[in-house]
N, C-alpha and C. Protein backbone atom coordinates (compact mmCIF):
# COMPACT_ATOMS: atom_id res chain seq x y z
N MET A 1 15.13 10.94 12.18
CA MET A 1 14.10 11.76 11.60
C MET A 1 14.35 11.95 10.09
N THR A 2 13.37 11.88 9.37
CA THR A 2 13.47 12.01 7.92
C THR A 2 13.67 13.41 7.55
N PRO A 3 14.23 13.71 6.33
CA PRO A 3 14.35 15.08 5.97
C PRO A 3 12.98 15.75 5.74
N GLU A 4 11.91 15.08 5.32
CA GLU A 4 10.67 15.67 5.23
C GLU A 4 10.14 16.11 6.48
N ALA A 5 10.38 15.29 7.56
CA ALA A 5 9.80 15.68 8.95
C ALA A 5 10.59 16.82 9.45
N GLN A 6 11.77 17.21 9.02
CA GLN A 6 12.54 18.28 9.52
C GLN A 6 12.32 19.59 8.91
N THR A 7 11.49 19.61 7.77
CA THR A 7 11.22 20.85 7.18
C THR A 7 10.21 21.64 7.96
N SER A 8 10.37 22.98 7.94
CA SER A 8 9.42 23.81 8.66
C SER A 8 8.12 23.97 7.89
N PRO A 9 7.01 24.31 8.64
CA PRO A 9 5.78 24.40 7.94
C PRO A 9 5.85 25.53 6.86
N GLN A 10 6.64 26.48 7.08
CA GLN A 10 6.67 27.60 6.11
C GLN A 10 7.39 27.30 4.82
N SER A 11 8.32 26.38 4.89
CA SER A 11 9.08 26.03 3.69
C SER A 11 8.26 25.42 2.66
N ALA A 12 8.54 25.67 1.43
CA ALA A 12 7.78 25.03 0.37
C ALA A 12 8.14 23.55 0.22
N PRO A 13 7.16 22.73 -0.03
CA PRO A 13 7.44 21.24 -0.15
C PRO A 13 8.37 21.07 -1.35
N ARG A 14 9.26 20.11 -1.19
CA ARG A 14 10.24 19.74 -2.26
C ARG A 14 9.42 19.04 -3.39
N LYS A 15 9.78 19.22 -4.57
CA LYS A 15 9.12 18.50 -5.72
C LYS A 15 9.77 17.21 -5.69
N ASP A 16 9.02 16.15 -5.69
CA ASP A 16 9.49 14.75 -5.85
C ASP A 16 9.22 14.34 -7.27
N TYR A 17 10.24 14.58 -8.12
CA TYR A 17 9.99 14.30 -9.50
C TYR A 17 9.78 12.83 -9.81
N PHE A 18 10.46 11.96 -9.06
CA PHE A 18 10.27 10.49 -9.36
C PHE A 18 8.78 10.15 -8.97
N ALA A 19 8.30 10.68 -7.88
CA ALA A 19 6.91 10.42 -7.50
C ALA A 19 5.93 10.90 -8.54
N LEU A 20 6.19 12.08 -9.07
CA LEU A 20 5.43 12.62 -10.17
C LEU A 20 5.37 11.64 -11.36
N PHE A 21 6.64 11.30 -11.74
CA PHE A 21 6.84 10.42 -12.87
C PHE A 21 6.17 9.06 -12.67
N SER A 22 6.30 8.44 -11.52
CA SER A 22 5.79 7.19 -11.21
C SER A 22 4.25 7.19 -11.13
N ASN A 23 3.70 8.33 -10.63
CA ASN A 23 2.20 8.42 -10.64
C ASN A 23 1.67 8.52 -12.13
N THR A 24 2.40 9.35 -12.93
CA THR A 24 1.92 9.55 -14.28
C THR A 24 2.05 8.23 -14.99
N ILE A 25 3.17 7.53 -14.96
CA ILE A 25 3.28 6.15 -15.56
C ILE A 25 2.29 5.26 -15.13
N SER A 26 2.08 5.13 -13.82
CA SER A 26 1.15 4.15 -13.19
C SER A 26 -0.25 4.44 -13.73
N ASN A 27 -0.62 5.72 -13.72
CA ASN A 27 -1.97 6.03 -14.20
C ASN A 27 -2.14 5.70 -15.68
N TRP A 28 -1.02 6.04 -16.46
CA TRP A 28 -1.09 5.77 -17.91
C TRP A 28 -1.16 4.20 -18.15
N ALA A 29 -0.30 3.52 -17.39
CA ALA A 29 -0.17 2.01 -17.54
C ALA A 29 -1.55 1.30 -17.22
N GLY A 30 -2.38 1.87 -16.44
CA GLY A 30 -3.61 1.17 -16.09
C GLY A 30 -4.84 1.48 -16.95
N LYS A 31 -4.57 2.29 -17.97
CA LYS A 31 -5.62 2.61 -18.83
C LYS A 31 -5.88 1.47 -19.93
N PRO A 32 -7.15 1.34 -20.34
CA PRO A 32 -7.44 0.31 -21.44
C PRO A 32 -6.70 0.60 -22.69
N ILE A 33 -6.44 1.88 -23.02
CA ILE A 33 -5.77 2.17 -24.23
C ILE A 33 -4.33 1.70 -24.20
N THR A 34 -3.74 1.65 -23.16
CA THR A 34 -2.42 1.14 -22.94
C THR A 34 -2.33 -0.36 -23.23
N PHE A 35 -3.28 -0.95 -22.69
CA PHE A 35 -3.39 -2.42 -23.01
C PHE A 35 -3.67 -2.69 -24.44
N ALA A 36 -4.51 -1.97 -25.06
CA ALA A 36 -4.74 -1.98 -26.47
C ALA A 36 -3.50 -1.76 -27.34
N LEU A 37 -2.78 -0.74 -26.89
CA LEU A 37 -1.46 -0.47 -27.60
C LEU A 37 -0.56 -1.67 -27.49
N ALA A 38 -0.42 -2.26 -26.29
CA ALA A 38 0.47 -3.35 -26.12
C ALA A 38 0.07 -4.56 -27.01
N VAL A 39 -1.26 -4.85 -26.98
CA VAL A 39 -1.73 -5.90 -27.83
C VAL A 39 -1.44 -5.54 -29.32
N PHE A 40 -1.67 -4.41 -29.73
CA PHE A 40 -1.37 -3.96 -31.10
C PHE A 40 0.10 -4.17 -31.41
N GLY A 41 0.99 -3.72 -30.47
CA GLY A 41 2.39 -3.93 -30.67
C GLY A 41 2.78 -5.43 -30.84
N ILE A 42 2.23 -6.25 -30.12
CA ILE A 42 2.50 -7.75 -30.13
C ILE A 42 1.96 -8.27 -31.51
N LEU A 43 0.85 -7.80 -31.87
CA LEU A 43 0.25 -8.25 -33.16
C LEU A 43 1.07 -7.89 -34.34
N VAL A 44 1.64 -6.61 -34.34
CA VAL A 44 2.57 -6.11 -35.33
C VAL A 44 3.80 -6.97 -35.39
N TRP A 45 4.32 -7.20 -34.16
CA TRP A 45 5.52 -8.04 -34.08
C TRP A 45 5.30 -9.46 -34.64
N ALA A 46 4.07 -10.03 -34.26
CA ALA A 46 3.76 -11.39 -34.77
C ALA A 46 3.58 -11.38 -36.29
N LEU A 47 3.00 -10.38 -36.77
CA LEU A 47 2.77 -10.28 -38.25
C LEU A 47 4.00 -10.12 -39.08
N LEU A 48 5.04 -9.54 -38.43
CA LEU A 48 6.31 -9.32 -39.05
C LEU A 48 7.12 -10.60 -39.08
N GLY A 49 6.73 -11.58 -38.24
CA GLY A 49 7.53 -12.79 -38.16
C GLY A 49 7.74 -13.51 -39.50
N PRO A 50 6.71 -13.75 -40.27
CA PRO A 50 6.85 -14.44 -41.55
C PRO A 50 7.86 -13.68 -42.48
N PHE A 51 7.67 -12.32 -42.53
CA PHE A 51 8.48 -11.52 -43.38
C PHE A 51 10.01 -11.51 -42.93
N LEU A 52 10.24 -11.62 -41.68
CA LEU A 52 11.63 -11.69 -41.22
C LEU A 52 12.14 -13.05 -40.95
N GLY A 53 11.32 -14.00 -41.43
CA GLY A 53 11.82 -15.45 -41.34
C GLY A 53 11.84 -15.99 -39.96
N TYR A 54 11.09 -15.40 -39.02
CA TYR A 54 11.08 -15.89 -37.67
C TYR A 54 12.52 -15.99 -37.08
N SER A 55 13.31 -15.06 -37.50
CA SER A 55 14.79 -15.05 -37.07
C SER A 55 14.97 -14.86 -35.61
N GLU A 56 16.25 -15.12 -35.19
CA GLU A 56 16.54 -14.90 -33.72
C GLU A 56 16.40 -13.41 -33.37
N GLY A 57 16.84 -12.58 -34.31
CA GLY A 57 16.68 -11.13 -34.09
C GLY A 57 15.23 -10.72 -33.84
N TRP A 58 14.31 -11.35 -34.66
CA TRP A 58 12.90 -10.98 -34.53
C TRP A 58 12.34 -11.35 -33.13
N GLN A 59 12.85 -12.54 -32.62
CA GLN A 59 12.50 -13.07 -31.32
C GLN A 59 13.08 -12.22 -30.18
N LEU A 60 14.37 -11.89 -30.47
CA LEU A 60 15.10 -11.05 -29.50
C LEU A 60 14.49 -9.66 -29.22
N VAL A 61 13.87 -9.15 -30.27
CA VAL A 61 13.24 -7.75 -30.16
C VAL A 61 12.15 -7.82 -29.07
N VAL A 62 11.22 -8.73 -29.26
CA VAL A 62 10.11 -8.76 -28.32
C VAL A 62 10.54 -9.24 -26.88
N ASN A 63 11.49 -10.21 -26.84
CA ASN A 63 11.97 -10.59 -25.50
C ASN A 63 12.70 -9.53 -24.86
N THR A 64 13.57 -8.78 -25.45
CA THR A 64 14.33 -7.73 -24.87
C THR A 64 13.30 -6.61 -24.37
N ALA A 65 12.44 -6.22 -25.36
CA ALA A 65 11.47 -5.09 -25.07
C ALA A 65 10.61 -5.39 -23.84
N THR A 66 10.05 -6.60 -23.81
CA THR A 66 9.16 -6.91 -22.64
C THR A 66 9.96 -7.08 -21.40
N THR A 67 11.12 -7.64 -21.51
CA THR A 67 11.92 -7.72 -20.29
C THR A 67 12.22 -6.38 -19.67
N ILE A 68 12.68 -5.47 -20.45
CA ILE A 68 13.10 -4.09 -20.03
C ILE A 68 11.85 -3.37 -19.50
N ILE A 69 10.71 -3.45 -20.23
CA ILE A 69 9.53 -2.72 -19.73
C ILE A 69 9.09 -3.34 -18.47
N THR A 70 9.04 -4.57 -18.33
CA THR A 70 8.62 -5.28 -17.06
C THR A 70 9.55 -4.82 -15.90
N PHE A 71 10.85 -4.92 -16.15
CA PHE A 71 11.84 -4.60 -15.14
C PHE A 71 11.61 -3.11 -14.59
N LEU A 72 11.50 -2.22 -15.43
CA LEU A 72 11.32 -0.78 -15.08
C LEU A 72 10.00 -0.51 -14.48
N MET A 73 8.99 -1.18 -14.94
CA MET A 73 7.61 -0.96 -14.44
C MET A 73 7.50 -1.52 -12.98
N ILE A 74 8.26 -2.51 -12.56
CA ILE A 74 8.24 -2.97 -11.27
C ILE A 74 8.61 -1.92 -10.25
N PHE A 75 9.65 -1.15 -10.57
CA PHE A 75 10.06 -0.13 -9.70
C PHE A 75 9.06 1.07 -9.68
N VAL A 76 8.58 1.43 -10.84
CA VAL A 76 7.67 2.50 -10.88
C VAL A 76 6.39 2.20 -10.12
N LEU A 77 5.80 1.03 -10.39
CA LEU A 77 4.58 0.59 -9.65
C LEU A 77 4.86 0.43 -8.19
N GLN A 78 5.94 -0.11 -7.78
CA GLN A 78 6.20 -0.31 -6.35
C GLN A 78 6.29 0.98 -5.67
N ASN A 79 6.94 2.04 -6.34
CA ASN A 79 6.96 3.29 -5.75
C ASN A 79 5.57 3.91 -5.51
N SER A 80 4.76 3.72 -6.49
CA SER A 80 3.33 4.39 -6.35
C SER A 80 2.69 3.55 -5.27
N GLN A 81 2.78 2.31 -5.16
CA GLN A 81 2.10 1.49 -4.19
C GLN A 81 2.66 1.79 -2.76
N ASN A 82 3.94 1.99 -2.67
CA ASN A 82 4.49 2.35 -1.33
C ASN A 82 3.94 3.65 -0.85
N ARG A 83 3.91 4.60 -1.70
CA ARG A 83 3.41 5.94 -1.28
C ARG A 83 1.86 5.92 -0.96
N ASP A 84 1.13 5.09 -1.74
CA ASP A 84 -0.27 4.92 -1.44
C ASP A 84 -0.52 4.30 -0.03
N ALA A 85 0.31 3.21 0.25
CA ALA A 85 0.26 2.58 1.53
C ALA A 85 0.65 3.57 2.63
N LYS A 86 1.68 4.34 2.51
CA LYS A 86 2.10 5.32 3.53
C LYS A 86 1.03 6.34 3.70
N ALA A 87 0.42 6.80 2.72
CA ALA A 87 -0.64 7.81 2.82
C ALA A 87 -1.83 7.29 3.58
N LEU A 88 -2.20 6.04 3.20
CA LEU A 88 -3.24 5.28 3.95
C LEU A 88 -2.89 5.21 5.43
N GLN A 89 -1.72 4.79 5.77
CA GLN A 89 -1.36 4.65 7.20
C GLN A 89 -1.39 6.01 7.80
N VAL A 90 -1.00 7.04 7.21
CA VAL A 90 -1.07 8.38 7.85
C VAL A 90 -2.49 8.72 8.13
N LYS A 91 -3.39 8.45 7.14
CA LYS A 91 -4.85 8.71 7.34
C LYS A 91 -5.41 7.95 8.45
N LEU A 92 -5.09 6.70 8.55
CA LEU A 92 -5.60 5.82 9.59
C LEU A 92 -5.07 6.24 10.95
N ASP A 93 -3.78 6.65 11.05
CA ASP A 93 -3.24 7.12 12.26
C ASP A 93 -3.91 8.38 12.76
N GLU A 94 -4.19 9.27 11.81
CA GLU A 94 -5.01 10.46 12.14
C GLU A 94 -6.39 10.09 12.69
N LEU A 95 -7.05 9.17 12.11
CA LEU A 95 -8.33 8.74 12.66
C LEU A 95 -8.21 8.16 14.01
N ILE A 96 -7.22 7.35 14.29
CA ILE A 96 -6.99 6.84 15.58
C ILE A 96 -6.70 7.89 16.65
N LEU A 97 -5.97 8.84 16.25
CA LEU A 97 -5.63 9.92 17.17
C LEU A 97 -6.88 10.84 17.54
N THR A 98 -7.70 11.06 16.58
CA THR A 98 -8.84 11.90 16.84
C THR A 98 -10.03 11.18 17.39
N ASN A 99 -10.01 9.86 17.41
CA ASN A 99 -11.00 9.06 18.09
C ASN A 99 -10.76 8.89 19.54
N ALA A 100 -11.59 9.37 20.40
CA ALA A 100 -11.34 9.23 21.83
C ALA A 100 -11.35 7.86 22.28
N ARG A 101 -12.14 6.94 21.67
CA ARG A 101 -12.24 5.54 22.12
C ARG A 101 -11.21 4.59 21.40
N ALA A 102 -10.46 5.14 20.46
CA ALA A 102 -9.46 4.26 19.79
C ALA A 102 -8.24 4.10 20.60
N GLU A 103 -7.66 3.02 20.39
CA GLU A 103 -6.41 2.61 21.07
C GLU A 103 -5.14 3.11 20.31
N ASN A 104 -4.42 3.98 21.05
CA ASN A 104 -3.21 4.54 20.40
C ASN A 104 -2.18 3.51 20.16
N CYS A 105 -2.27 2.33 20.68
CA CYS A 105 -1.23 1.34 20.49
C CYS A 105 -1.21 0.84 19.07
N PHE A 106 -2.29 1.15 18.35
CA PHE A 106 -2.29 0.71 16.91
C PHE A 106 -1.61 1.68 15.95
N ILE A 107 -1.30 2.85 16.42
CA ILE A 107 -0.58 3.88 15.60
C ILE A 107 0.77 3.30 15.30
N GLY A 108 1.15 3.25 13.99
CA GLY A 108 2.43 2.71 13.54
C GLY A 108 2.47 1.23 13.54
N ALA A 109 1.34 0.59 13.59
CA ALA A 109 1.38 -0.84 13.68
C ALA A 109 2.03 -1.52 12.40
N GLU A 110 2.04 -0.75 11.29
CA GLU A 110 2.68 -1.34 10.12
C GLU A 110 4.15 -1.51 10.24
N ALA A 111 4.81 -0.94 11.25
CA ALA A 111 6.25 -1.08 11.50
C ALA A 111 6.53 -2.17 12.52
N LEU A 112 5.54 -2.82 13.03
CA LEU A 112 5.76 -3.80 14.12
C LEU A 112 6.10 -5.13 13.45
N GLY A 113 6.73 -5.99 14.22
CA GLY A 113 7.03 -7.32 13.82
C GLY A 113 5.80 -8.27 13.83
N GLU A 114 6.08 -9.40 13.25
CA GLU A 114 4.95 -10.38 13.18
C GLU A 114 4.36 -10.77 14.47
N ALA A 115 5.20 -10.96 15.52
CA ALA A 115 4.64 -11.37 16.84
C ALA A 115 3.77 -10.31 17.49
N GLU A 116 4.25 -9.09 17.32
CA GLU A 116 3.46 -7.93 17.91
C GLU A 116 2.13 -7.79 17.11
N LEU A 117 2.05 -7.99 15.89
CA LEU A 117 0.81 -7.92 15.07
C LEU A 117 -0.10 -8.97 15.49
N VAL A 118 0.41 -10.26 15.64
CA VAL A 118 -0.45 -11.37 16.02
C VAL A 118 -0.97 -11.05 17.42
N ARG A 119 -0.26 -10.49 18.31
CA ARG A 119 -0.79 -10.10 19.62
C ARG A 119 -1.87 -9.07 19.52
N LEU A 120 -1.62 -8.04 18.79
CA LEU A 120 -2.65 -7.02 18.61
C LEU A 120 -3.94 -7.53 17.94
N ARG A 121 -3.77 -8.43 16.97
CA ARG A 121 -4.93 -9.07 16.33
C ARG A 121 -5.75 -9.87 17.32
N ALA A 122 -5.02 -10.58 18.19
CA ALA A 122 -5.65 -11.43 19.24
C ALA A 122 -6.52 -10.52 20.21
N MET A 123 -5.86 -9.39 20.57
CA MET A 123 -6.68 -8.49 21.44
C MET A 123 -7.82 -7.96 20.81
N LEU A 124 -7.78 -7.58 19.49
CA LEU A 124 -8.96 -7.13 18.73
C LEU A 124 -10.01 -8.16 18.60
N ASP A 125 -9.52 -9.40 18.36
CA ASP A 125 -10.45 -10.58 18.24
C ASP A 125 -11.20 -10.79 19.58
N ALA A 126 -10.55 -10.65 20.69
CA ALA A 126 -11.08 -10.84 21.95
C ALA A 126 -12.12 -9.73 22.27
N LYS A 127 -11.77 -8.54 21.85
CA LYS A 127 -12.62 -7.43 22.09
C LYS A 127 -13.89 -7.52 21.25
N LEU A 128 -13.74 -8.00 19.95
CA LEU A 128 -14.88 -8.24 19.12
C LEU A 128 -15.77 -9.32 19.64
N ALA A 129 -15.20 -10.42 20.08
CA ALA A 129 -15.98 -11.56 20.57
C ALA A 129 -16.72 -11.10 21.90
N ALA A 130 -16.17 -10.35 22.75
CA ALA A 130 -16.84 -9.85 23.89
C ALA A 130 -17.95 -8.93 23.53
N ALA A 131 -17.76 -7.98 22.57
CA ALA A 131 -18.77 -7.09 22.17
C ALA A 131 -19.93 -7.82 21.57
N GLU A 132 -19.68 -8.92 20.74
CA GLU A 132 -20.79 -9.64 20.11
C GLU A 132 -21.56 -10.49 21.20
N ALA A 133 -20.83 -10.94 22.19
CA ALA A 133 -21.44 -11.77 23.14
C ALA A 133 -22.45 -11.09 24.13
N THR A 134 -22.10 -9.77 24.27
CA THR A 134 -23.05 -8.93 25.07
C THR A 134 -24.08 -8.31 24.29
N ARG A 135 -25.32 -8.30 24.81
CA ARG A 135 -26.46 -7.76 23.99
C ARG A 135 -26.80 -6.41 24.56
N SER A 136 -26.87 -6.22 25.90
CA SER A 136 -27.33 -4.93 26.39
C SER A 136 -26.24 -3.87 26.19
N PRO A 137 -26.67 -2.67 25.95
CA PRO A 137 -25.62 -1.60 25.72
C PRO A 137 -24.80 -1.28 27.02
N GLU A 138 -25.46 -1.45 28.19
CA GLU A 138 -24.66 -1.22 29.45
C GLU A 138 -23.63 -2.30 29.61
N ARG A 139 -24.03 -3.56 29.42
CA ARG A 139 -23.12 -4.64 29.52
C ARG A 139 -21.95 -4.59 28.56
N ARG A 140 -22.28 -4.25 27.31
CA ARG A 140 -21.35 -4.05 26.30
C ARG A 140 -20.29 -3.05 26.61
N GLU A 141 -20.78 -1.89 27.08
CA GLU A 141 -19.87 -0.80 27.52
C GLU A 141 -18.94 -1.27 28.63
N GLU A 142 -19.50 -1.98 29.56
CA GLU A 142 -18.67 -2.47 30.75
C GLU A 142 -17.60 -3.41 30.24
N MET A 143 -17.96 -4.27 29.30
CA MET A 143 -16.87 -5.27 28.74
C MET A 143 -15.95 -4.53 27.98
N GLU A 144 -16.30 -3.53 27.10
CA GLU A 144 -15.41 -2.84 26.30
C GLU A 144 -14.42 -2.03 27.20
N ASP A 145 -14.90 -1.42 28.26
CA ASP A 145 -14.04 -0.71 29.25
C ASP A 145 -12.98 -1.59 29.83
N ARG A 146 -13.46 -2.80 30.25
CA ARG A 146 -12.42 -3.80 30.81
C ARG A 146 -11.47 -4.21 29.81
N LEU A 147 -11.88 -4.55 28.55
CA LEU A 147 -11.05 -4.91 27.58
C LEU A 147 -10.06 -3.81 27.16
N GLU A 148 -10.55 -2.59 27.06
CA GLU A 148 -9.70 -1.36 26.74
C GLU A 148 -8.59 -1.26 27.80
N GLU A 149 -8.93 -1.56 29.04
CA GLU A 149 -7.97 -1.37 30.14
C GLU A 149 -6.89 -2.52 29.94
N LYS A 150 -7.38 -3.70 29.54
CA LYS A 150 -6.34 -4.73 29.27
C LYS A 150 -5.45 -4.34 28.15
N VAL A 151 -5.95 -3.74 27.02
CA VAL A 151 -5.17 -3.36 25.98
C VAL A 151 -4.21 -2.32 26.32
N ARG A 152 -4.68 -1.36 27.07
CA ARG A 152 -3.78 -0.30 27.56
C ARG A 152 -2.61 -0.85 28.46
N SER A 153 -2.90 -1.82 29.31
CA SER A 153 -1.83 -2.40 30.14
C SER A 153 -0.89 -3.29 29.34
N ALA A 154 -1.36 -3.81 28.16
CA ALA A 154 -0.62 -4.66 27.39
C ALA A 154 0.11 -4.02 26.25
N LYS A 155 0.08 -2.66 26.24
CA LYS A 155 0.71 -1.87 25.13
C LYS A 155 2.21 -2.32 24.90
N ILE A 156 2.61 -2.36 23.74
CA ILE A 156 3.96 -2.62 23.47
C ILE A 156 4.85 -1.43 23.69
N ALA A 157 5.94 -1.67 24.45
CA ALA A 157 6.82 -0.55 24.82
C ALA A 157 7.67 -0.15 23.60
């Protein structure tokens, strides 16, 4: 169990400073002004080339700066993406739990292996094909009920 899951509902949530930092940087990095500033920085660097004799130091400045910025941004953006994906999964799991006709075997599917995901996808494809093949609402309900029973019996332990 994760430390977040162990906290009581009365306790104040811990501040995640890295999450706050990565959200701020991600939001800032995605703005048009940030792109414009980066282009401006590269133009200034390029214009300084003739004055600095296109030296190795001049080249090293932009190479080093862009490498460091890229390296750090990977971690910041990945952190934001991971949290967004986890939040989306939590929201989808809540929708599955509150929908009486939804299959609970899909909760936590993001943690399953490739073979289990392929199996779940095949079950969904079969369910979709059966639903599309039937035209009358009564026949469609009957087919869905049978397929739902198959899904329930095939749940992954």
